[in-house]
Protein backbone atom coordinates (compact mmCIF):
# COMPACT_ATOMS: atom_id res chain seq x y z
CA MET A 1 -32.51 -35.59 101.00
CA GLU A 2 -34.14 -39.08 100.95
CA THR A 3 -35.01 -39.35 104.45
CA ARG A 4 -36.44 -42.77 104.22
CA ILE A 5 -33.46 -44.20 102.53
CA ASP A 6 -31.09 -46.05 105.93
CA GLY A 7 -29.18 -49.15 106.85
CA ARG A 8 -32.17 -50.85 106.71
CA THR A 9 -33.96 -50.44 102.79
CA ARG A 10 -33.60 -53.09 100.63
CA LEU A 11 -32.92 -52.35 96.87
CA TYR A 12 -35.93 -53.46 93.86
CA ALA A 13 -34.46 -52.16 90.31
CA LEU A 14 -35.04 -52.27 87.23
CA ILE A 15 -33.37 -53.41 84.13
CA GLY A 16 -33.20 -53.14 80.61
CA SER A 17 -32.76 -50.64 77.45
CA PRO A 18 -33.24 -48.04 77.25
CA ILE A 19 -35.05 -47.06 80.39
CA GLY A 20 -35.29 -43.72 80.32
CA HIS A 21 -39.40 -43.10 79.63
CA SER A 22 -40.03 -45.93 82.16
CA GLY A 23 -42.72 -45.07 84.75
CA SER A 24 -41.29 -48.23 86.92
CA PRO A 25 -39.55 -46.73 89.92
CA ALA A 26 -42.50 -43.84 90.19
CA MET A 27 -44.71 -46.28 91.07
CA TYR A 28 -42.70 -48.88 93.66
CA ASN A 29 -41.40 -46.33 95.07
CA TYR A 30 -44.72 -43.94 95.77
CA SER A 31 -46.55 -47.81 96.76
CA PHE A 32 -43.57 -48.54 99.21
CA ARG A 33 -43.61 -45.12 100.60
CA LYS A 34 -47.72 -45.74 100.83
CA LEU A 35 -47.64 -49.09 102.44
CA GLY A 36 -44.52 -47.63 104.79
CA ILE A 37 -42.18 -50.38 103.62
CA ASN A 38 -38.36 -49.81 103.49
CA SER A 39 -37.65 -50.56 100.16
CA ALA A 40 -36.49 -48.35 97.01
CA TYR A 41 -37.28 -49.16 93.22
CA LEU A 42 -34.34 -47.75 90.91
CA ALA A 43 -33.37 -48.04 87.47
CA PHE A 44 -30.74 -49.18 85.46
CA ASP A 45 -29.72 -48.88 81.86
CA THR A 46 -28.62 -52.49 81.08
CA PRO A 47 -27.77 -53.52 76.94
CA LEU A 48 -27.98 -57.30 76.18
CA GLU A 49 -24.76 -58.38 76.62
CA LYS A 50 -24.27 -57.10 80.41
CA THR A 51 -27.65 -58.11 81.57
CA GLU A 52 -25.37 -61.53 83.23
CA ALA A 53 -23.55 -59.41 85.08
CA ALA A 54 -26.60 -57.27 86.66
CA ILE A 55 -27.70 -59.73 87.65
CA GLU A 56 -24.51 -61.97 89.35
CA ALA A 57 -24.41 -58.29 90.44
CA PHE A 58 -27.83 -58.36 92.33
CA ARG A 59 -26.72 -61.28 94.36
CA THR A 60 -23.74 -59.68 95.71
CA LEU A 61 -25.90 -56.77 96.79
CA ASN A 62 -28.70 -59.33 97.87
CA VAL A 63 -31.48 -57.07 96.46
CA GLY A 64 -34.67 -58.06 97.27
CA GLY A 65 -35.74 -58.73 93.92
CA PHE A 66 -35.91 -56.92 90.20
CA ASN A 67 -37.74 -56.32 86.55
CA ALA A 68 -36.39 -56.94 83.60
CA THR A 69 -38.07 -55.46 80.36
CA MET A 70 -36.68 -55.50 77.09
CA PRO A 71 -33.72 -56.93 75.77
CA CYS A 72 -33.34 -58.53 78.80
CA LYS A 73 -36.58 -61.43 79.99
CA ALA A 74 -35.08 -64.32 78.04
CA ILE A 75 -31.56 -64.19 79.45
CA THR A 76 -32.71 -63.80 82.91
CA ALA A 77 -34.85 -66.88 82.80
CA GLN A 78 -31.42 -68.22 81.93
CA CYS A 79 -29.52 -66.39 84.36
CA VAL A 80 -31.88 -67.79 87.58
CA ASP A 81 -31.82 -70.84 90.18
CA ARG A 82 -35.93 -71.44 89.11
CA LEU A 83 -38.50 -70.41 87.29
CA SER A 84 -42.64 -70.09 87.63
CA PRO A 85 -44.48 -72.81 85.06
CA ALA A 86 -45.50 -69.16 83.43
CA ALA A 87 -41.84 -67.85 82.52
CA GLU A 88 -40.75 -71.12 82.25
CA LEU A 89 -43.02 -71.90 79.16
CA VAL A 90 -43.21 -68.48 78.01
CA GLY A 91 -38.95 -69.12 77.99
CA ALA A 92 -38.39 -65.58 79.28
CA SER A 93 -38.96 -63.69 83.21
CA ASN A 94 -39.98 -60.46 83.49
CA THR A 95 -39.95 -60.51 87.58
CA VAL A 96 -37.12 -61.79 89.70
CA VAL A 97 -38.18 -62.10 93.90
CA VAL A 98 -34.36 -62.90 95.84
CA GLU A 99 -35.38 -65.66 97.83
CA GLU A 100 -34.33 -65.50 101.88
CA ASP A 101 -31.77 -68.43 101.22
CA GLY A 102 -30.25 -65.93 98.49
CA SER A 103 -31.72 -67.70 95.47
CA MET A 104 -33.37 -66.46 92.61
CA THR A 105 -37.12 -67.48 90.97
CA GLY A 106 -38.30 -66.33 87.84
CA HIS A 107 -41.90 -65.24 87.16
CA MET A 108 -43.28 -63.82 84.92
CA THR A 109 -46.27 -61.06 85.27
CA ASP A 110 -47.57 -59.79 81.51
CA GLY A 111 -50.10 -62.03 81.30
CA ALA A 112 -51.41 -62.65 84.85
CA GLY A 113 -51.33 -58.81 84.77
CA PHE A 114 -53.72 -58.69 80.86
CA PHE A 115 -56.05 -61.61 82.67
CA ARG A 116 -56.24 -59.37 86.13
CA ASN A 117 -57.08 -56.77 83.18
CA LEU A 118 -59.70 -58.15 81.90
CA LYS A 119 -61.50 -59.55 85.63
CA GLU A 120 -61.79 -55.72 86.46
CA HIS A 121 -63.84 -54.94 83.60
CA GLY A 122 -66.44 -57.86 83.99
CA VAL A 123 -64.69 -60.06 81.83
CA GLU A 124 -63.79 -63.85 82.83
CA ALA A 125 -60.97 -66.39 81.09
CA ALA A 126 -61.99 -69.23 82.30
CA GLY A 127 -63.74 -72.57 80.16
CA LYS A 128 -63.67 -69.41 77.58
CA LYS A 129 -62.68 -69.48 73.94
CA ILE A 130 -59.82 -66.71 73.03
CA VAL A 131 -58.24 -65.35 69.68
CA ILE A 132 -55.02 -64.45 70.68
CA LEU A 133 -53.69 -62.21 67.04
CA GLY A 134 -49.35 -62.43 67.26
CA THR A 135 -46.88 -64.61 68.67
CA GLY A 136 -43.94 -61.79 70.01
CA GLY A 137 -43.40 -61.42 73.93
CA ALA A 138 -46.46 -60.16 75.16
CA ALA A 139 -49.08 -62.49 72.46
CA THR A 140 -47.14 -65.46 74.21
CA ALA A 141 -46.93 -64.48 77.70
CA ILE A 142 -51.01 -63.70 77.38
CA ALA A 143 -51.88 -67.83 75.74
CA VAL A 144 -49.41 -69.24 77.89
CA GLN A 145 -51.46 -68.45 81.21
CA ALA A 146 -54.52 -68.62 79.55
CA ALA A 147 -54.01 -72.46 79.28
CA LEU A 148 -52.51 -72.24 83.29
CA ASP A 149 -56.08 -70.18 83.70
CA GLY A 150 -57.61 -72.36 82.29
CA VAL A 151 -59.31 -71.31 78.75
CA GLU A 152 -61.01 -73.97 76.68
CA GLN A 153 -58.97 -73.05 73.45
CA ILE A 154 -56.48 -71.32 72.54
CA ALA A 155 -56.27 -70.15 68.26
CA LEU A 156 -53.25 -68.32 67.50
CA PHE A 157 -52.78 -65.59 64.23
CA ASN A 158 -49.56 -65.15 62.73
CA ARG A 159 -48.66 -63.77 59.57
CA LYS A 160 -46.29 -66.55 58.22
CA ASP A 161 -43.28 -64.48 58.87
CA GLU A 162 -40.29 -64.94 60.93
CA PHE A 163 -41.85 -64.82 64.35
CA PHE A 164 -44.55 -67.61 63.05
CA ALA A 165 -42.11 -70.35 63.94
CA ASN A 166 -42.32 -69.09 67.59
CA GLY A 167 -46.00 -69.42 67.52
CA GLU A 168 -45.18 -72.82 66.55
CA LYS A 169 -42.95 -73.41 69.55
CA THR A 170 -45.67 -72.06 71.88
CA VAL A 171 -48.41 -74.67 70.78
CA ASP A 172 -46.20 -76.89 71.38
CA LYS A 173 -45.74 -75.82 75.06
CA ILE A 174 -48.82 -75.60 76.10
CA LYS A 175 -50.04 -79.43 75.10
CA LYS A 176 -46.79 -80.56 76.59
CA ALA A 177 -47.21 -78.75 79.89
CA VAL A 178 -51.35 -78.72 80.18
CA PRO A 179 -53.15 -81.79 78.40
CA GLY A 180 -56.19 -80.65 79.20
CA ILE A 181 -56.74 -77.81 77.76
CA GLY A 182 -59.17 -77.94 75.31
CA LYS A 183 -57.87 -77.38 71.80
CA VAL A 184 -54.71 -74.67 71.03
CA LEU A 185 -53.85 -73.92 68.24
CA ILE A 186 -52.01 -71.71 65.29
CA GLU A 187 -52.92 -70.02 61.66
CA ASP A 188 -52.10 -67.97 59.51
CA LEU A 189 -53.26 -64.48 60.04
CA ASP A 190 -53.72 -63.85 56.44
CA ASN A 191 -56.66 -66.98 56.29
CA THR A 192 -59.53 -64.95 57.17
CA GLU A 193 -61.98 -67.56 56.19
CA ALA A 194 -60.31 -69.50 59.26
CA LEU A 195 -59.30 -65.87 61.58
CA GLN A 196 -63.24 -65.25 60.79
CA GLY A 197 -64.56 -68.63 62.09
CA PHE A 198 -62.91 -69.03 65.25
CA ILE A 199 -63.79 -65.13 66.20
CA SER A 200 -67.36 -66.45 65.24
CA GLU A 201 -67.25 -68.83 67.99
CA SER A 202 -64.85 -67.05 70.46
CA ASP A 203 -65.57 -65.10 73.71
CA ILE A 204 -62.08 -62.99 74.00
CA LEU A 205 -60.16 -61.48 70.94
CA VAL A 206 -56.13 -59.60 71.95
CA ASN A 207 -54.70 -57.95 69.23
CA GLY A 208 -51.53 -58.22 70.75
CA THR A 209 -49.42 -56.77 67.24
CA ARG A 210 -48.27 -53.50 66.81
CA ALA A 211 -51.45 -52.35 64.40
CA GLY A 212 -53.39 -49.55 66.47
CA MET A 213 -49.91 -48.48 67.55
CA SER A 214 -48.00 -45.48 65.96
CA PRO A 215 -47.36 -44.69 62.96
CA LEU A 216 -49.90 -47.50 62.66
CA GLU A 217 -52.92 -46.03 64.40
CA ASP A 218 -55.49 -46.29 61.56
CA ILE A 219 -54.79 -50.42 61.10
CA MET A 220 -57.47 -52.72 62.41
CA PRO A 221 -56.00 -55.78 62.91
CA VAL A 222 -58.73 -57.55 61.38
CA PRO A 223 -62.01 -56.56 59.84
CA GLU A 224 -64.69 -54.78 61.57
CA GLU A 225 -66.94 -56.69 60.37
CA PHE A 226 -65.80 -60.04 62.40
CA LEU A 227 -66.80 -58.32 65.78
CA ARG A 228 -70.22 -59.10 67.84
CA PRO A 229 -71.73 -57.82 70.89
CA GLU A 230 -71.02 -61.17 72.75
CA LEU A 231 -67.55 -60.78 72.26
CA ALA A 232 -65.32 -59.21 74.47
CA VAL A 233 -62.48 -57.61 72.73
CA ALA A 234 -58.86 -55.89 74.50
CA ASP A 235 -55.20 -54.82 73.32
CA VAL A 236 -52.15 -54.50 74.41
CA VAL A 237 -51.41 -51.76 72.74
CA TYR A 238 -51.49 -48.48 75.03
CA ASN A 239 -50.79 -46.18 73.17
CA PRO A 240 -53.09 -44.50 72.27
CA ARG A 241 -55.74 -45.58 74.92
CA GLU A 242 -58.46 -46.55 72.45
CA THR A 243 -57.12 -48.24 68.88
CA LEU A 244 -58.94 -48.00 66.34
CA LEU A 245 -59.73 -51.83 67.28
CA LEU A 246 -61.27 -50.52 70.69
CA LYS A 247 -63.57 -47.45 68.91
CA LYS A 248 -64.75 -50.06 66.37
CA ALA A 249 -64.96 -52.58 69.28
CA LYS A 250 -67.65 -50.31 71.35
CA GLU A 251 -69.03 -49.10 67.78
CA ALA A 252 -69.98 -52.97 67.43
CA GLY A 253 -71.93 -53.19 70.33
CA CYS A 254 -68.96 -55.76 72.08
CA ARG A 255 -69.47 -56.54 75.66
CA ALA A 256 -65.94 -54.93 76.47
CA ALA A 257 -63.09 -52.95 74.73
CA VAL A 258 -60.70 -52.99 76.86
CA GLY A 259 -57.44 -51.17 76.56
CA GLY A 260 -53.74 -52.07 77.26
CA ILE A 261 -52.75 -49.25 80.24
CA GLY A 262 -54.66 -51.25 82.46
CA MET A 263 -52.13 -54.62 81.68
CA LEU A 264 -49.08 -52.48 82.24
CA LEU A 265 -50.87 -51.72 85.11
CA TRP A 266 -51.54 -55.00 86.97
CA GLN A 267 -48.65 -57.06 85.88
CA GLY A 268 -46.94 -54.53 87.83
CA ALA A 269 -49.17 -54.79 90.81
CA ALA A 270 -48.79 -58.69 90.22
CA ALA A 271 -44.32 -57.79 90.87
CA PHE A 272 -45.18 -55.94 93.63
CA GLU A 273 -46.74 -58.38 95.60
CA LEU A 274 -44.07 -61.13 94.53
CA PHE A 275 -41.88 -58.35 95.72
CA THR A 276 -43.40 -57.74 99.41
CA GLY A 277 -46.37 -60.03 100.03
CA GLN A 278 -49.07 -57.12 99.96
CA GLU A 279 -51.14 -55.68 97.46
CA MET A 280 -50.68 -52.42 95.17
CA PRO A 281 -52.63 -49.78 95.90
CA ALA A 282 -53.71 -50.04 92.27
CA GLN A 283 -56.15 -47.35 92.12
CA GLU A 284 -54.30 -44.45 93.44
CA VAL A 285 -51.44 -45.70 91.37
CA MET A 286 -53.80 -46.06 88.38
CA ASP A 287 -55.11 -42.30 89.47
CA LYS A 288 -51.04 -40.72 89.77
CA PHE A 289 -49.88 -42.59 87.24
CA PHE A 290 -51.81 -43.45 84.27
CA SER A 291 -54.50 -41.39 83.79
C-alpha cells in the first residue's frame, strides 16, 4: 500500500485520450516523493466529448491542478476561468492551476519548455530571428512564446493546406498582442526561394512538423544545403532522439542541434512549478525517465 497517501494528499491529474503511454504520472509522482510533497498524480483517459464534465468534476473534488493533452487542450482553454497570455494567444491550455479561491487558470507550457530546452543547450532566443516550420499545436505554442520572449522576427512556413489558415490567424494574433515585435509573417513552405532567404538571415530554425518522425524518418523538412554553421537547429520530434534534420545539422557544423526530448521534459517542469511553486528535479527526471 502507498504509505504517502493520506487524508491530506492533494490530487493532480492528466486528461486526454489515449494516455496509456504517458510518462507524466511517473515523472510527477517521482518528483513529489523526491521533494516530500504530499501529492499524487493520476491519468484519466478522457475523450473530447467528456472534457468539460471531467473539468467540472475536478472543480467539485478541488484538485490541485491538471494537465491536458490531445484532444482536450482547446476545450480546456474554454472551460477555465482565466488564461495566461500564452494560453490565450494559442487558444489552448495544457496546464491548469486551481487557485486558492477555487478558480482555474489555464496555462500553455509547451513554448516555455521549448525555449528552456534551447537555453539548456546554450541558445538564447531574445532579440534573435527565428524560422518555424509548421502551424500545428507545437509550432503555434513556440511562435507565441517566441513573441512573448522578445524575438526580433518570426517567419512561419507551412504548405498551403488546411492548416495554413491557422498560421495566418497566429500571425494576426501575435501582431495585435505584441505590437513591439519586429516582424511576424507566414509563407508557403513550397516557396523554397523564400525559405532559403529567411533561413540564411535567421539565428534559429525550428522543425515543428512531423518530418523525421516515424514513419517519416527519412524526410528532411528543409534542403540540407540551407543549413550553415551560424544556425541553431531544433526539432520538436523526440522519437527518434536524433532526427535526420539534427544529423544533417551536426554534419553542417551548426552551432546547436537540439532534440525534442528536452522540450517534453521542460514543459512538464514548467507545469510542476506552476502546481507546486517548487522546481522539479529535472536532471534526475531526465536521467531516470528520458535516457
